[in-house]
Amino acid sequence: MDNKEWFRKAEFGMMVHFGLYSVLGGEYRGTRVKTYAEWIQSYCAIPNRAYDELTRVFNPIYFDAEEWIRLAKDCGMQYFVMTSKHHEGFAMYHSKADKFNVVDATPFGRDITAELAEACYKHGLKFGLYYSQELDWHEPNGGGYTNHEPCAGVSWDNSWDFKDAEKKNFDRCFAEKIKPQVEEILTGYGDLCLIWFDVPHTISPAQSLELNNLVKHYQPNCLINSRIGNGAYDYVSLGDNEIPQEPPEEALESQNMNDLAGYKFSPYGLYETAGTMNDSWGFRYYDQNWKTPEAIAENRKKLNSLGVNYLLNMGPDGLGRMPSMAVENLRKAAELMQ
């Protein structure tokens, strides 16, 4: 069975947002993030020199890849998607292209992505990777500087360290970091069911196609979501937490345009909604607005009835622990679906 046919039947998966932002838990020097915790560097305009200090204390001693993957499998999930690099620019794998990564820059020193990949293969779950292909706040030439629409932080790009947008050139970041890192994750972690790209604004059509070609060269069966930008995708990522009322192909003009890619039609009829367990993707210690088991089960039932997969996110804390209420509600939801 190729990945398109598998994805069409997958129905349920787990996404995990885990990075340096997990250490802060949504708060920096007395300021609480009111939006997504993984956007805290932008929300609080934290300089890179200060944000880099988090690498010294990133030591998730309770991280257990087997525990995470068993949880997903126990709850009926068919695939697992990990943030290999989010907008902060920190790689959660051993990157040779940039030393700003979990192995080289932290006392933890372990390749978290590799351990999760191994656990997925052991327990029979498909493995996918999230990669922020445009926004990179650690880079002077990270993208997003062409977009002036509201976002979850002060700006899409790092405008606090690197203030002059006129001097920014995303082509450099793309060539020196983005493309090499995408090549790394395609060649270092076995068969990937998908790559989950995110927030395309500055990326050009040629660059989106270049990434698409890179994926298909190394892993022809690896699916690409619509947030790669410029139409170079296999399946559509609907808006965050979007629950359409009718099949996406019958509702191309969605009321929720938060998909950020501007595309609603999948050439292969493949759709997915990524959703949160509370109001954030990354860990936010004061956010206890957990979806009830009934809500989780109802969301999954509704989405699956429309032919849309439900990719439900978990945000572990800085020690690598899944929030107990999220775990409890997810397990209860799985029981309701039986």
Protein backbone atom coordinates (compact mmCIF):
# COMPACT_ATOMS: atom_id res chain seq x y z
CA MET A 1 0.00 0.00 0.00
CA ASP A 2 1.47 3.35 -0.98
CA ASN A 3 1.33 6.30 1.41
CA LYS A 4 -1.55 8.00 -0.38
CA GLU A 5 -3.78 4.99 0.12
CA TRP A 6 -2.55 4.58 3.70
CA PHE A 7 -3.14 8.26 4.50
CA ARG A 8 -6.68 8.09 3.13
CA LYS A 9 -7.47 5.42 5.72
CA ALA A 10 -5.26 6.61 8.61
CA GLU A 11 -7.93 8.76 10.36
CA PHE A 12 -6.00 9.58 13.55
CA GLY A 13 -2.47 10.68 14.40
CA MET A 14 -0.45 12.44 17.08
CA MET A 15 1.60 15.58 16.64
CA VAL A 16 4.10 16.75 19.26
CA HIS A 17 5.43 20.29 19.65
CA PHE A 18 8.64 20.04 21.66
CA GLY A 19 11.55 22.48 21.73
CA LEU A 20 13.38 25.10 23.78
CA TYR A 21 10.07 26.93 24.25
CA SER A 22 8.89 23.94 26.32
CA VAL A 23 11.30 25.00 29.07
CA LEU A 24 9.63 28.41 29.46
CA GLY A 25 6.13 26.95 29.60
CA GLY A 26 4.55 30.07 28.12
CA GLU A 27 6.07 32.64 30.51
CA TYR A 28 9.13 34.88 30.24
CA ARG A 29 10.19 37.31 32.97
CA GLY A 30 6.68 37.74 34.29
CA THR A 31 4.94 37.96 30.92
CA ARG A 32 2.50 35.22 30.03
CA VAL A 33 1.95 34.39 26.39
CA LYS A 34 -1.70 34.89 25.46
CA THR A 35 -1.43 32.87 22.28
CA TYR A 36 0.70 29.88 21.31
CA ALA A 37 3.51 29.05 23.76
CA GLU A 38 5.89 27.98 20.98
CA TRP A 39 5.74 31.58 19.74
CA ILE A 40 7.13 32.93 23.02
CA GLN A 41 10.39 34.18 21.51
CA SER A 42 8.48 36.39 19.11
CA TYR A 43 5.70 37.25 21.56
CA CYS A 44 8.23 38.56 24.09
CA ALA A 45 10.85 39.63 21.51
CA ILE A 46 13.50 37.58 23.32
CA PRO A 47 16.95 38.32 21.87
CA ASN A 48 18.79 35.31 20.50
CA ARG A 49 21.62 35.82 22.99
CA ALA A 50 19.10 35.33 25.83
CA TYR A 51 17.09 32.62 24.11
CA ASP A 52 20.27 30.63 23.44
CA GLU A 53 20.76 30.36 27.21
CA LEU A 54 17.86 27.90 27.27
CA THR A 55 20.11 25.32 25.63
CA ARG A 56 22.14 25.21 28.85
CA VAL A 57 19.14 23.95 30.84
CA PHE A 58 17.35 21.88 28.21
CA ASN A 59 17.64 18.45 29.79
CA PRO A 60 14.34 16.52 29.46
CA ILE A 61 15.36 13.66 31.71
CA TYR A 62 11.84 12.18 31.70
CA PHE A 63 11.60 11.98 27.92
CA ASP A 64 10.74 8.42 26.95
CA ALA A 65 10.14 7.75 23.26
CA GLU A 66 8.62 4.34 23.99
CA GLU A 67 6.12 5.91 26.39
CA TRP A 68 5.02 8.54 23.86
CA ILE A 69 4.61 6.08 21.01
CA ARG A 70 2.82 3.49 23.14
CA LEU A 71 0.39 6.21 24.21
CA ALA A 72 -0.34 7.08 20.59
CA LYS A 73 -0.78 3.45 19.64
CA ASP A 74 -2.98 2.67 22.66
CA CYS A 75 -5.27 5.53 21.63
CA GLY A 76 -5.75 4.25 18.11
CA MET A 77 -3.37 6.62 16.35
CA GLN A 78 -1.77 5.44 13.12
CA TYR A 79 1.00 7.99 12.73
CA PHE A 80 3.21 10.32 14.74
CA VAL A 81 4.57 13.73 13.70
CA MET A 82 7.41 15.40 15.61
CA THR A 83 8.66 19.00 15.34
CA SER A 84 12.17 18.49 13.98
CA LYS A 85 12.60 22.29 13.86
CA HIS A 86 10.08 24.96 14.77
CA HIS A 87 10.23 28.73 14.16
CA GLU A 88 12.83 29.23 16.90
CA GLY A 89 15.34 27.56 14.59
CA PHE A 90 16.41 24.89 17.09
CA ALA A 91 16.77 21.40 15.62
CA MET A 92 15.44 18.54 17.73
CA TYR A 93 17.79 16.16 15.98
CA HIS A 94 21.54 15.98 15.35
CA SER A 95 21.97 18.48 12.54
CA LYS A 96 25.31 18.71 10.82
CA ALA A 97 24.19 21.88 9.03
CA ASP A 98 23.77 23.92 12.23
CA LYS A 99 25.15 23.38 15.74
CA PHE A 100 21.99 24.94 17.21
CA ASN A 101 20.56 21.48 17.90
CA VAL A 102 19.62 19.19 20.74
CA VAL A 103 22.73 17.00 20.50
CA ASP A 104 25.44 19.63 20.14
CA ALA A 105 24.01 22.48 22.19
CA THR A 106 22.38 20.89 25.26
CA PRO A 107 23.41 18.81 28.26
CA PHE A 108 20.82 16.23 27.16
CA GLY A 109 22.92 15.38 24.14
CA ARG A 110 20.54 12.80 22.66
CA ASP A 111 18.88 12.72 19.26
CA ILE A 112 15.22 12.88 20.25
CA THR A 113 14.01 12.51 16.67
CA ALA A 114 16.04 9.34 16.19
CA GLU A 115 14.65 7.78 19.35
CA LEU A 116 11.08 8.55 18.32
CA ALA A 117 11.67 7.20 14.83
CA GLU A 118 13.00 3.95 16.28
CA ALA A 119 10.05 3.62 18.66
CA CYS A 120 7.59 4.20 15.79
CA TYR A 121 9.19 1.48 13.67
CA LYS A 122 9.20 -0.87 16.65
CA HIS A 123 5.52 -0.36 17.44
CA GLY A 124 4.23 -0.13 13.90
CA LEU A 125 3.33 3.57 13.66
CA LYS A 126 4.14 5.66 10.62
CA PHE A 127 6.61 8.46 11.35
CA GLY A 128 6.50 12.00 10.00
CA LEU A 129 8.38 15.21 10.69
CA TYR A 130 7.31 18.82 11.03
CA TYR A 131 9.82 21.31 9.66
CA SER A 132 9.49 25.11 9.61
CA GLN A 133 10.78 25.80 6.11
CA GLU A 134 10.52 29.58 6.20
CA LEU A 135 10.38 31.09 9.67
CA ASP A 136 13.66 30.80 11.53
CA TRP A 137 14.19 33.39 14.25
CA HIS A 138 17.75 32.26 14.85
CA GLU A 139 18.81 33.35 11.38
CA PRO A 140 19.40 36.95 10.19
CA ASN A 141 17.84 36.01 6.84
CA GLY A 142 14.97 33.89 8.14
CA GLY A 143 11.75 34.38 6.19
CA GLY A 144 8.47 36.03 7.08
CA TYR A 145 9.71 39.60 6.69
CA THR A 146 7.46 40.16 3.66
CA ASN A 147 4.30 39.46 5.67
CA HIS A 148 2.85 42.31 7.73
CA GLU A 149 -0.39 40.61 8.76
CA PRO A 150 -1.06 39.94 12.49
CA CYS A 151 0.59 36.87 13.97
CA ALA A 152 1.03 35.16 17.34
CA GLY A 153 4.07 37.32 18.14
CA VAL A 154 5.40 40.79 17.40
CA SER A 155 6.30 39.75 13.84
CA TRP A 156 6.63 36.71 11.62
CA ASP A 157 10.37 37.23 11.24
CA ASN A 158 12.92 38.10 13.90
CA SER A 159 12.51 41.87 13.76
CA TRP A 160 13.93 42.50 17.24
CA ASP A 161 17.47 41.19 16.62
CA PHE A 162 17.55 41.82 12.88
CA LYS A 163 15.63 45.04 12.42
CA ASP A 164 16.30 46.03 8.82
CA ALA A 165 14.01 43.95 6.61
CA GLU A 166 15.50 45.59 3.53
CA LYS A 167 18.80 43.82 4.20
CA LYS A 168 17.26 40.38 4.61
CA ASN A 169 17.66 37.76 1.92
CA PHE A 170 15.75 34.53 2.48
CA ASP A 171 17.62 32.94 -0.43
CA ARG A 172 20.70 32.75 1.82
CA CYS A 173 18.86 31.11 4.69
CA PHE A 174 17.22 28.69 2.29
CA ALA A 175 20.51 27.67 0.69
CA GLU A 176 22.64 27.58 3.84
CA LYS A 177 20.25 26.03 6.37
CA ILE A 178 16.75 25.14 5.20
CA LYS A 179 17.59 22.97 2.23
CA PRO A 180 20.52 21.17 3.93
CA GLN A 181 18.40 20.40 6.99
CA VAL A 182 15.50 19.08 4.94
CA GLU A 183 17.98 16.81 3.20
CA GLU A 184 19.23 15.65 6.61
CA ILE A 185 15.81 14.66 7.90
CA LEU A 186 15.02 12.90 4.63
CA THR A 187 18.16 10.80 4.76
CA GLY A 188 18.73 10.23 8.48
CA TYR A 189 15.51 8.87 9.97
CA GLY A 190 14.26 6.04 7.81
CA ASP A 191 11.05 6.06 5.81
CA LEU A 192 8.92 9.14 6.51
CA CYS A 193 5.19 9.01 5.82
CA LEU A 194 5.05 12.80 5.49
CA ILE A 195 6.81 16.10 5.99
CA TRP A 196 4.67 18.76 7.64
CA PHE A 197 5.89 22.13 6.39
CA ASP A 198 4.50 25.36 7.83
CA VAL A 199 3.65 29.05 7.19
CA PRO A 200 4.81 29.94 3.67
CA HIS A 201 5.02 33.66 2.98
CA THR A 202 8.44 34.70 1.70
CA ILE A 203 9.32 31.37 0.10
CA SER A 204 9.23 31.54 -3.69
CA PRO A 205 7.46 29.12 -6.05
CA ALA A 206 10.88 27.91 -7.22
CA GLN A 207 11.97 27.21 -3.63
CA SER A 208 8.77 25.35 -2.77
CA LEU A 209 9.25 23.23 -5.88
CA GLU A 210 12.89 22.67 -4.99
CA LEU A 211 11.87 21.29 -1.60
CA ASN A 212 9.20 19.15 -3.23
CA ASN A 213 11.77 17.73 -5.65
CA LEU A 214 14.17 17.09 -2.78
CA VAL A 215 11.54 15.12 -0.88
CA LYS A 216 10.53 13.08 -3.91
CA HIS A 217 14.15 12.40 -4.85
CA TYR A 218 15.05 10.83 -1.52
CA GLN A 219 11.63 9.51 -0.50
CA PRO A 220 9.17 9.23 -3.42
CA ASN A 221 6.35 7.99 -1.15
CA CYS A 222 6.72 10.73 1.46
CA LEU A 223 3.67 12.99 1.41
CA ILE A 224 3.96 16.80 1.52
CA ASN A 225 1.34 19.03 3.11
CA SER A 226 -0.05 22.21 1.57
CA ARG A 227 1.82 24.55 3.89
CA ILE A 228 4.94 24.05 1.83
CA GLY A 229 3.42 26.86 -0.22
CA ASN A 230 2.93 27.63 -3.90
CA GLY A 231 0.91 24.53 -4.69
CA ALA A 232 3.78 22.03 -4.44
CA TYR A 233 1.90 19.60 -2.18
CA ASP A 234 0.20 16.20 -1.98
CA TYR A 235 -2.41 16.80 0.70
CA VAL A 236 -4.21 19.70 2.32
CA SER A 237 -3.63 20.83 5.89
CA LEU A 238 -6.85 22.57 6.87
CA GLY A 239 -6.87 25.44 9.37
CA ASP A 240 -5.69 24.95 12.94
CA ASN A 241 -8.48 23.11 14.81
CA GLU A 242 -10.74 23.49 11.76
CA ILE A 243 -13.82 21.24 11.79
CA PRO A 244 -15.55 21.70 8.43
CA GLN A 245 -19.27 21.13 8.19
CA GLU A 246 -19.07 19.40 4.84
CA PRO A 247 -16.40 17.53 2.88
CA PRO A 248 -13.56 19.91 1.94
CA GLU A 249 -13.96 19.23 -1.76
CA GLU A 250 -17.52 20.52 -1.48
CA ALA A 251 -16.52 23.58 0.53
CA LEU A 252 -13.49 25.10 -1.14
CA GLU A 253 -14.32 28.52 0.25
CA SER A 254 -13.84 27.75 3.93
CA GLN A 255 -14.89 30.20 6.62
CA ASN A 256 -11.53 29.58 8.28
CA MET A 257 -8.60 30.68 6.13
CA ASN A 258 -6.02 29.94 8.80
CA ASP A 259 -4.40 27.25 6.66
CA LEU A 260 -1.94 29.98 5.60
CA ALA A 261 -1.27 28.29 2.30
CA GLY A 262 -4.37 29.47 0.51
CA TYR A 263 -5.14 26.05 -0.92
CA LYS A 264 -8.21 23.97 -0.21
CA PHE A 265 -8.22 21.39 -2.98
CA SER A 266 -6.21 18.18 -2.73
CA PRO A 267 -5.35 16.51 -6.05
CA TYR A 268 -5.46 13.13 -4.31
CA GLY A 269 -8.45 13.75 -2.05
CA LEU A 270 -6.25 13.79 1.07
CA TYR A 271 -7.10 16.13 3.96
CA GLU A 272 -6.03 16.63 7.55
CA THR A 273 -6.88 18.90 10.46
CA ALA A 274 -4.22 19.44 13.10
CA GLY A 275 -5.71 20.33 16.46
CA THR A 276 -4.64 21.20 19.98
CA MET A 277 -5.53 19.54 23.27
CA ASN A 278 -5.89 22.95 24.95
CA ASP A 279 -5.28 26.44 23.52
CA SER A 280 -1.60 26.05 22.63
CA TRP A 281 0.63 23.72 20.65
CA GLY A 282 3.69 24.08 22.86
CA PHE A 283 3.52 23.53 26.63
CA ARG A 284 1.86 26.38 28.54
CA TYR A 285 1.76 25.55 32.23
CA TYR A 286 -1.23 27.76 33.10
CA ASP A 287 -3.42 26.59 30.22
CA GLN A 288 -5.83 24.06 31.68
CA ASN A 289 -8.51 24.47 29.04
CA TRP A 290 -8.28 20.83 28.00
CA LYS A 291 -10.62 19.38 25.43
CA THR A 292 -12.91 16.89 27.12
CA PRO A 293 -12.82 13.24 26.08
CA GLU A 294 -16.25 13.73 24.57
CA ALA A 295 -15.05 16.70 22.49
CA ILE A 296 -12.01 14.81 21.24
CA ALA A 297 -14.12 11.81 20.26
CA GLU A 298 -16.72 14.00 18.57
CA ASN A 299 -14.07 15.95 16.63
CA ARG A 300 -12.50 12.75 15.39
CA LYS A 301 -15.84 11.23 14.45
CA LYS A 302 -16.90 14.35 12.55
CA LEU A 303 -13.60 14.78 10.71
CA ASN A 304 -13.29 11.12 9.78
CA SER A 305 -16.86 11.09 8.47
CA LEU A 306 -15.81 13.86 6.06
CA GLY A 307 -12.69 12.01 4.95
CA VAL A 308 -10.36 14.22 7.02
CA ASN A 309 -7.62 12.85 9.28
CA TYR A 310 -7.36 14.21 12.82
CA LEU A 311 -3.78 15.03 13.88
CA LEU A 312 -4.07 15.79 17.58
CA ASN A 313 -1.22 17.64 19.25
CA MET A 314 0.46 17.08 22.60
CA GLY A 315 2.80 19.63 24.19
CA PRO A 316 5.26 18.04 26.65
CA ASP A 317 6.94 20.17 29.30
CA GLY A 318 10.64 20.95 29.46
CA LEU A 319 11.37 17.72 31.32
CA GLY A 320 9.77 15.66 28.56
CA ARG A 321 6.55 14.86 30.43
CA MET A 322 3.18 14.78 28.70
CA PRO A 323 0.62 16.77 30.74
CA SER A 324 -1.33 14.25 32.80
CA MET A 325 -4.74 15.79 32.07
CA ALA A 326 -4.07 15.64 28.34
CA VAL A 327 -3.04 12.00 28.60
CA GLU A 328 -6.06 11.13 30.73
CA ASN A 329 -8.53 12.83 28.40
CA LEU A 330 -6.93 11.29 25.33
CA ARG A 331 -7.19 7.79 26.81
CA LYS A 332 -10.81 8.33 27.80
CA ALA A 333 -11.60 9.61 24.32
CA ALA A 334 -10.11 6.43 22.86
CA GLU A 335 -12.40 4.37 25.07
CA LEU A 336 -15.43 6.33 23.82
CA MET A 337 -14.43 5.57 20.22
CA GLN A 338 -14.31 1.83 20.75
